[in-house]
Amino acid sequence: MKKNIFSLFLILITVIVAAVIPTEAEGNIYSDTIRLHILANSDSEEDQALKLRVRDKLLLEYGERLSAFESREKAEEELSSLLNEIKDTADAFIAEEGYDYRTTVTLTEERYETREYEGFSLPAGKYLSLRVIIGDGDGKNWWCVMYPPLCMGIASDTEPEDDAVLGYTDSEYALITGSEPRYRIKFKLLELIDYAFG
């Protein structure tokens, strides 16, 4: 009798753990995402406003291009080949806005804290970033998701269509949108795992 109860207990624990522990596919959220990270020249009102205009320019100019790719690898290749062009685009736009700041544009790994966006959030951890430093880069940051292009709605009047998030699997999308309580638990566990081993 005790043996049967113990066996049932083990099965129950296994089912619960399997339901809440993030799967490998959900853990791939880090390797399936490219963040956009922009640092303003300073915290002055003008420089902060310029940062947001540069953000909009880059999201509108390059976000749609990246939505054509169904994998982060392809999006990363495209961004890598465009770094000089992105810098030139940002520098020309800033000059048109009346400033003489130059930008530094890199594709690099960065650690992020948990961020809440409108309709979704991303767990803390290391992500590949398109990092754009305006001038001295001494001002507050702005960051979101470049690929899949989840932040296009910030820069335009339209939100991305459902097929604009093809870079995420169904389980990854459920994880970042917290569509079920068990995914909210997985989200927190994923962060703990990343902090422990990241």
C-alpha atoms as a PDB file:
ATOM      1  CA  MET A   1       0.000   0.000   0.000  1.00  0.00           C
ATOM      2  CA  LYS A   2       2.779   2.448   0.995  1.00  0.00           C
ATOM      3  CA  LYS A   3       4.668   1.511  -2.143  1.00  0.00           C
ATOM      4  CA  ASN A   4       1.635   2.384  -4.318  1.00  0.00           C
ATOM      5  CA  ILE A   5       1.145   5.726  -2.564  1.00  0.00           C
ATOM      6  CA  PHE A   6       4.830   6.557  -2.987  1.00  0.00           C
ATOM      7  CA  SER A   7       4.669   5.644  -6.714  1.00  0.00           C
ATOM      8  CA  LEU A   8       1.597   7.842  -7.204  1.00  0.00           C
ATOM      9  CA  PHE A   9       3.338  10.681  -5.364  1.00  0.00           C
ATOM     10  CA  LEU A  10       6.370  10.393  -7.673  1.00  0.00           C
ATOM     11  CA  ILE A  11       4.139  10.410 -10.758  1.00  0.00           C
ATOM     12  CA  LEU A  12       2.284  13.486  -9.472  1.00  0.00           C
ATOM     13  CA  ILE A  13       5.548  15.356  -8.770  1.00  0.00           C
ATOM     14  CA  THR A  14       6.868  14.422 -12.231  1.00  0.00           C
ATOM     15  CA  VAL A  15       3.714  15.729 -13.935  1.00  0.00           C
ATOM     16  CA  ILE A  16       3.833  19.018 -11.969  1.00  0.00           C
ATOM     17  CA  VAL A  17       7.527  19.571 -12.696  1.00  0.00           C
ATOM     18  CA  ALA A  18       7.041  18.771 -16.395  1.00  0.00           C
ATOM     19  CA  ALA A  19       4.196  21.305 -16.530  1.00  0.00           C
ATOM     20  CA  VAL A  20       6.097  24.223 -15.012  1.00  0.00           C
ATOM     21  CA  ILE A  21       9.786  23.750 -15.861  1.00  0.00           C
ATOM     22  CA  PRO A  22      10.625  25.546 -19.120  1.00  0.00           C
ATOM     23  CA  THR A  23      11.307  23.209 -22.021  1.00  0.00           C
ATOM     24  CA  GLU A  24      14.436  23.550 -24.124  1.00  0.00           C
ATOM     25  CA  ALA A  25      12.351  25.266 -26.821  1.00  0.00           C
ATOM     26  CA  GLU A  26      11.131  27.867 -24.319  1.00  0.00           C
ATOM     27  CA  GLY A  27      14.676  28.296 -23.043  1.00  0.00           C
ATOM     28  CA  ASN A  28      15.645  29.222 -26.598  1.00  0.00           C
ATOM     29  CA  ILE A  29      13.834  32.560 -26.132  1.00  0.00           C
ATOM     30  CA  TYR A  30      17.295  34.083 -25.590  1.00  0.00           C
ATOM     31  CA  SER A  31      18.748  32.696 -28.799  1.00  0.00           C
ATOM     32  CA  ASP A  32      15.645  33.523 -30.866  1.00  0.00           C
ATOM     33  CA  THR A  33      15.554  37.231 -29.952  1.00  0.00           C
ATOM     34  CA  ILE A  34      17.499  40.306 -31.058  1.00  0.00           C
ATOM     35  CA  ARG A  35      17.010  43.364 -28.858  1.00  0.00           C
ATOM     36  CA  LEU A  36      17.320  47.007 -29.929  1.00  0.00           C
ATOM     37  CA  HIS A  37      19.234  49.071 -27.358  1.00  0.00           C
ATOM     38  CA  ILE A  38      19.639  52.818 -27.857  1.00  0.00           C
ATOM     39  CA  LEU A  39      21.612  55.074 -25.521  1.00  0.00           C
ATOM     40  CA  ALA A  40      20.967  58.816 -25.648  1.00  0.00           C
ATOM     41  CA  ASN A  41      23.801  61.354 -25.674  1.00  0.00           C
ATOM     42  CA  SER A  42      22.619  62.742 -22.325  1.00  0.00           C
ATOM     43  CA  ASP A  43      19.575  62.993 -20.085  1.00  0.00           C
ATOM     44  CA  SER A  44      18.628  66.440 -21.387  1.00  0.00           C
ATOM     45  CA  GLU A  45      15.062  66.700 -22.652  1.00  0.00           C
ATOM     46  CA  GLU A  46      16.295  67.357 -26.198  1.00  0.00           C
ATOM     47  CA  ASP A  47      18.659  64.387 -26.260  1.00  0.00           C
ATOM     48  CA  GLN A  48      16.031  62.053 -24.817  1.00  0.00           C
ATOM     49  CA  ALA A  49      13.506  63.181 -27.444  1.00  0.00           C
ATOM     50  CA  LEU A  50      16.127  62.682 -30.175  1.00  0.00           C
ATOM     51  CA  LYS A  51      16.775  59.140 -28.917  1.00  0.00           C
ATOM     52  CA  LEU A  52      13.097  58.274 -29.444  1.00  0.00           C
ATOM     53  CA  ARG A  53      13.088  59.752 -32.943  1.00  0.00           C
ATOM     54  CA  VAL A  54      16.187  57.708 -33.815  1.00  0.00           C
ATOM     55  CA  ARG A  55      14.407  54.643 -32.401  1.00  0.00           C
ATOM     56  CA  ASP A  56      11.393  55.268 -34.634  1.00  0.00           C
ATOM     57  CA  LYS A  57      13.585  55.817 -37.684  1.00  0.00           C
ATOM     58  CA  LEU A  58      15.491  52.547 -37.172  1.00  0.00           C
ATOM     59  CA  LEU A  59      12.410  50.479 -36.360  1.00  0.00           C
ATOM     60  CA  LEU A  60      10.574  51.741 -39.435  1.00  0.00           C
ATOM     61  CA  GLU A  61      13.623  51.436 -41.697  1.00  0.00           C
ATOM     62  CA  TYR A  62      14.825  47.989 -40.608  1.00  0.00           C
ATOM     63  CA  GLY A  63      12.094  46.305 -38.554  1.00  0.00           C
ATOM     64  CA  GLU A  64      10.011  45.401 -41.594  1.00  0.00           C
ATOM     65  CA  ARG A  65      13.051  44.050 -43.433  1.00  0.00           C
ATOM     66  CA  LEU A  66      13.749  41.689 -40.543  1.00  0.00           C
ATOM     67  CA  SER A  67      10.153  40.467 -40.434  1.00  0.00           C
ATOM     68  CA  ALA A  68      10.843  38.660 -43.720  1.00  0.00           C
ATOM     69  CA  PHE A  69      13.141  36.193 -41.948  1.00  0.00           C
ATOM     70  CA  GLU A  70      11.857  33.079 -40.199  1.00  0.00           C
ATOM     71  CA  SER A  71      14.928  32.536 -38.031  1.00  0.00           C
ATOM     72  CA  ARG A  72      17.106  34.699 -35.843  1.00  0.00           C
ATOM     73  CA  GLU A  73      20.200  33.389 -37.603  1.00  0.00           C
ATOM     74  CA  LYS A  74      19.050  34.899 -40.906  1.00  0.00           C
ATOM     75  CA  ALA A  75      18.010  38.150 -39.198  1.00  0.00           C
ATOM     76  CA  GLU A  76      21.420  38.317 -37.496  1.00  0.00           C
ATOM     77  CA  GLU A  77      23.222  37.802 -40.801  1.00  0.00           C
ATOM     78  CA  GLU A  78      21.176  40.605 -42.322  1.00  0.00           C
ATOM     79  CA  LEU A  79      21.860  42.973 -39.424  1.00  0.00           C
ATOM     80  CA  SER A  80      25.582  42.132 -39.454  1.00  0.00           C
ATOM     81  CA  SER A  81      25.761  43.066 -43.121  1.00  0.00           C
ATOM     82  CA  LEU A  82      23.839  46.298 -42.473  1.00  0.00           C
ATOM     83  CA  LEU A  83      25.779  47.712 -39.497  1.00  0.00           C
ATOM     84  CA  ASN A  84      27.568  50.387 -41.546  1.00  0.00           C
ATOM     85  CA  GLU A  85      24.343  51.277 -43.328  1.00  0.00           C
ATOM     86  CA  ILE A  86      22.447  51.514 -40.031  1.00  0.00           C
ATOM     87  CA  LYS A  87      25.141  53.828 -38.651  1.00  0.00           C
ATOM     88  CA  ASP A  88      25.003  55.996 -41.791  1.00  0.00           C
ATOM     89  CA  THR A  89      21.192  56.096 -41.598  1.00  0.00           C
ATOM     90  CA  ALA A  90      21.244  57.116 -37.928  1.00  0.00           C
ATOM     91  CA  ASP A  91      24.013  59.696 -38.445  1.00  0.00           C
ATOM     92  CA  ALA A  92      22.260  61.252 -41.455  1.00  0.00           C
ATOM     93  CA  PHE A  93      18.947  61.378 -39.592  1.00  0.00           C
ATOM     94  CA  ILE A  94      20.562  63.013 -36.536  1.00  0.00           C
ATOM     95  CA  ALA A  95      22.229  65.606 -38.811  1.00  0.00           C
ATOM     96  CA  GLU A  96      18.849  66.325 -40.445  1.00  0.00           C
ATOM     97  CA  GLU A  97      17.466  66.896 -36.950  1.00  0.00           C
ATOM     98  CA  GLY A  98      20.120  69.575 -36.414  1.00  0.00           C
ATOM     99  CA  TYR A  99      22.643  67.749 -34.204  1.00  0.00           C
ATOM    100  CA  ASP A 100      26.297  66.919 -34.828  1.00  0.00           C
ATOM    101  CA  TYR A 101      26.348  63.693 -32.779  1.00  0.00           C
ATOM    102  CA  ARG A 102      27.826  60.580 -34.341  1.00  0.00           C
ATOM    103  CA  THR A 103      26.680  57.075 -33.484  1.00  0.00           C
ATOM    104  CA  THR A 104      28.426  53.837 -32.611  1.00  0.00           C
ATOM    105  CA  VAL A 105      26.492  50.804 -33.862  1.00  0.00           C
ATOM    106  CA  THR A 106      27.364  47.243 -32.852  1.00  0.00           C
ATOM    107  CA  LEU A 107      25.794  43.816 -32.667  1.00  0.00           C
ATOM    108  CA  THR A 108      26.725  42.433 -29.259  1.00  0.00           C
ATOM    109  CA  GLU A 109      25.570  40.239 -26.359  1.00  0.00           C
ATOM    110  CA  GLU A 110      24.132  42.149 -23.402  1.00  0.00           C
ATOM    111  CA  ARG A 111      22.467  41.185 -20.130  1.00  0.00           C
ATOM    112  CA  TYR A 112      18.982  42.599 -19.584  1.00  0.00           C
ATOM    113  CA  GLU A 113      16.698  42.750 -16.586  1.00  0.00           C
ATOM    114  CA  THR A 114      13.088  41.574 -16.926  1.00  0.00           C
ATOM    115  CA  ARG A 115      11.233  44.077 -19.083  1.00  0.00           C
ATOM    116  CA  GLU A 116       7.490  44.586 -19.382  1.00  0.00           C
ATOM    117  CA  TYR A 117       6.214  45.828 -22.711  1.00  0.00           C
ATOM    118  CA  GLU A 118       2.690  46.407 -23.915  1.00  0.00           C
ATOM    119  CA  GLY A 119       1.195  42.934 -24.237  1.00  0.00           C
ATOM    120  CA  PHE A 120       4.352  40.934 -23.517  1.00  0.00           C
ATOM    121  CA  SER A 121       7.448  40.738 -21.346  1.00  0.00           C
ATOM    122  CA  LEU A 122      10.877  39.145 -21.688  1.00  0.00           C
ATOM    123  CA  PRO A 123      12.762  37.276 -18.961  1.00  0.00           C
ATOM    124  CA  ALA A 124      16.042  38.614 -17.624  1.00  0.00           C
ATOM    125  CA  GLY A 125      19.102  37.181 -19.310  1.00  0.00           C
ATOM    126  CA  LYS A 126      21.667  37.618 -22.075  1.00  0.00           C
ATOM    127  CA  TYR A 127      20.412  38.618 -25.507  1.00  0.00           C
ATOM    128  CA  LEU A 128      21.990  39.604 -28.788  1.00  0.00           C
ATOM    129  CA  SER A 129      21.518  43.366 -29.181  1.00  0.00           C
ATOM    130  CA  LEU A 130      21.680  45.909 -31.928  1.00  0.00           C
ATOM    131  CA  ARG A 131      23.314  48.570 -29.733  1.00  0.00           C
ATOM    132  CA  VAL A 132      23.191  52.180 -30.904  1.00  0.00           C
ATOM    133  CA  ILE A 133      25.103  54.768 -28.880  1.00  0.00           C
ATOM    134  CA  ILE A 134      24.270  58.382 -29.742  1.00  0.00           C
ATOM    135  CA  GLY A 135      27.148  60.803 -29.111  1.00  0.00           C
ATOM    136  CA  ASP A 136      28.580  60.272 -25.629  1.00  0.00           C
ATOM    137  CA  GLY A 137      25.927  57.691 -24.725  1.00  0.00           C
ATOM    138  CA  ASP A 138      25.588  59.161 -21.226  1.00  0.00           C
ATOM    139  CA  GLY A 139      21.787  59.320 -21.230  1.00  0.00           C
ATOM    140  CA  LYS A 140      19.039  56.903 -20.282  1.00  0.00           C
ATOM    141  CA  ASN A 141      18.598  53.788 -22.446  1.00  0.00           C
ATOM    142  CA  TRP A 142      15.672  52.653 -24.491  1.00  0.00           C
ATOM    143  CA  TRP A 143      15.302  49.019 -25.493  1.00  0.00           C
ATOM    144  CA  CYS A 144      12.804  46.675 -27.056  1.00  0.00           C
ATOM    145  CA  VAL A 145      12.757  43.781 -29.537  1.00  0.00           C
ATOM    146  CA  MET A 146      14.184  44.215 -33.031  1.00  0.00           C
ATOM    147  CA  TYR A 147      13.586  40.608 -34.072  1.00  0.00           C
ATOM    148  CA  PRO A 148      10.939  39.323 -34.153  1.00  0.00           C
ATOM    149  CA  PRO A 149       9.727  42.893 -34.778  1.00  0.00           C
ATOM    150  CA  LEU A 150       7.406  43.096 -31.759  1.00  0.00           C
ATOM    151  CA  CYS A 151       7.965  46.829 -31.229  1.00  0.00           C
ATOM    152  CA  MET A 152       6.956  48.067 -34.668  1.00  0.00           C
ATOM    153  CA  GLY A 153       3.721  49.466 -33.209  1.00  0.00           C
ATOM    154  CA  ILE A 154       5.740  51.907 -31.106  1.00  0.00           C
ATOM    155  CA  ALA A 155       7.185  53.525 -34.216  1.00  0.00           C
ATOM    156  CA  SER A 156       4.007  53.473 -36.307  1.00  0.00           C
ATOM    157  CA  ASP A 157       0.235  53.447 -36.038  1.00  0.00           C
ATOM    158  CA  THR A 158       0.061  49.738 -36.763  1.00  0.00           C
ATOM    159  CA  GLU A 159       0.959  46.724 -34.681  1.00  0.00           C
ATOM    160  CA  PRO A 160       2.784  43.861 -36.414  1.00  0.00           C
ATOM    161  CA  GLU A 161       0.577  41.176 -37.881  1.00  0.00           C
ATOM    162  CA  ASP A 162       0.559  37.753 -36.210  1.00  0.00           C
ATOM    163  CA  ASP A 163       2.912  36.432 -38.862  1.00  0.00           C
ATOM    164  CA  ALA A 164       5.432  39.106 -37.835  1.00  0.00           C
ATOM    165  CA  VAL A 165       6.292  36.993 -34.796  1.00  0.00           C
ATOM    166  CA  LEU A 166       7.157  33.862 -36.759  1.00  0.00           C
ATOM    167  CA  GLY A 167      10.601  33.960 -35.170  1.00  0.00           C
ATOM    168  CA  TYR A 168       9.040  32.578 -31.970  1.00  0.00           C
ATOM    169  CA  THR A 169       7.600  29.128 -31.484  1.00  0.00           C
ATOM    170  CA  ASP A 170       4.097  28.773 -30.026  1.00  0.00           C
ATOM    171  CA  SER A 171       5.529  27.901 -26.605  1.00  0.00           C
ATOM    172  CA  GLU A 172       7.938  30.879 -26.674  1.00  0.00           C
ATOM    173  CA  TYR A 173       5.112  33.212 -27.662  1.00  0.00           C
ATOM    174  CA  ALA A 174       2.933  31.819 -24.849  1.00  0.00           C
ATOM    175  CA  LEU A 175       5.845  32.303 -22.455  1.00  0.00           C
ATOM    176  CA  ILE A 176       6.412  36.002 -23.213  1.00  0.00           C
ATOM    177  CA  THR A 177       2.717  36.877 -23.337  1.00  0.00           C
ATOM    178  CA  GLY A 178       1.933  34.943 -20.120  1.00  0.00           C
ATOM    179  CA  SER A 179      -1.188  33.554 -21.775  1.00  0.00           C
ATOM    180  CA  GLU A 180      -1.557  30.840 -19.115  1.00  0.00           C
ATOM    181  CA  PRO A 181      -0.642  30.762 -15.403  1.00  0.00           C
ATOM    182  CA  ARG A 182       1.777  27.870 -15.953  1.00  0.00           C
ATOM    183  CA  TYR A 183       3.708  29.993 -18.454  1.00  0.00           C
ATOM    184  CA  ARG A 184       4.061  32.765 -15.884  1.00  0.00           C
ATOM    185  CA  ILE A 185       5.607  30.180 -13.534  1.00  0.00           C
ATOM    186  CA  LYS A 186       7.892  28.946 -16.337  1.00  0.00           C
ATOM    187  CA  PHE A 187       8.915  32.556 -17.026  1.00  0.00           C
ATOM    188  CA  LYS A 188      10.148  33.010 -13.446  1.00  0.00           C
ATOM    189  CA  LEU A 189      11.878  29.622 -13.434  1.00  0.00           C
ATOM    190  CA  LEU A 190      13.627  30.488 -16.691  1.00  0.00           C
ATOM    191  CA  GLU A 191      14.993  33.660 -15.082  1.00  0.00           C
ATOM    192  CA  LEU A 192      16.217  31.730 -12.030  1.00  0.00           C
ATOM    193  CA  ILE A 193      17.924  29.153 -14.267  1.00  0.00           C
ATOM    194  CA  ASP A 194      19.594  31.927 -16.283  1.00  0.00           C
ATOM    195  CA  TYR A 195      20.850  33.703 -13.157  1.00  0.00           C
ATOM    196  CA  ALA A 196      22.179  30.420 -11.765  1.00  0.00           C
ATOM    197  CA  PHE A 197      23.962  29.266 -14.931  1.00  0.00           C
ATOM    198  CA  GLY A 198      24.099  32.324 -17.225  1.00  0.00           C
END
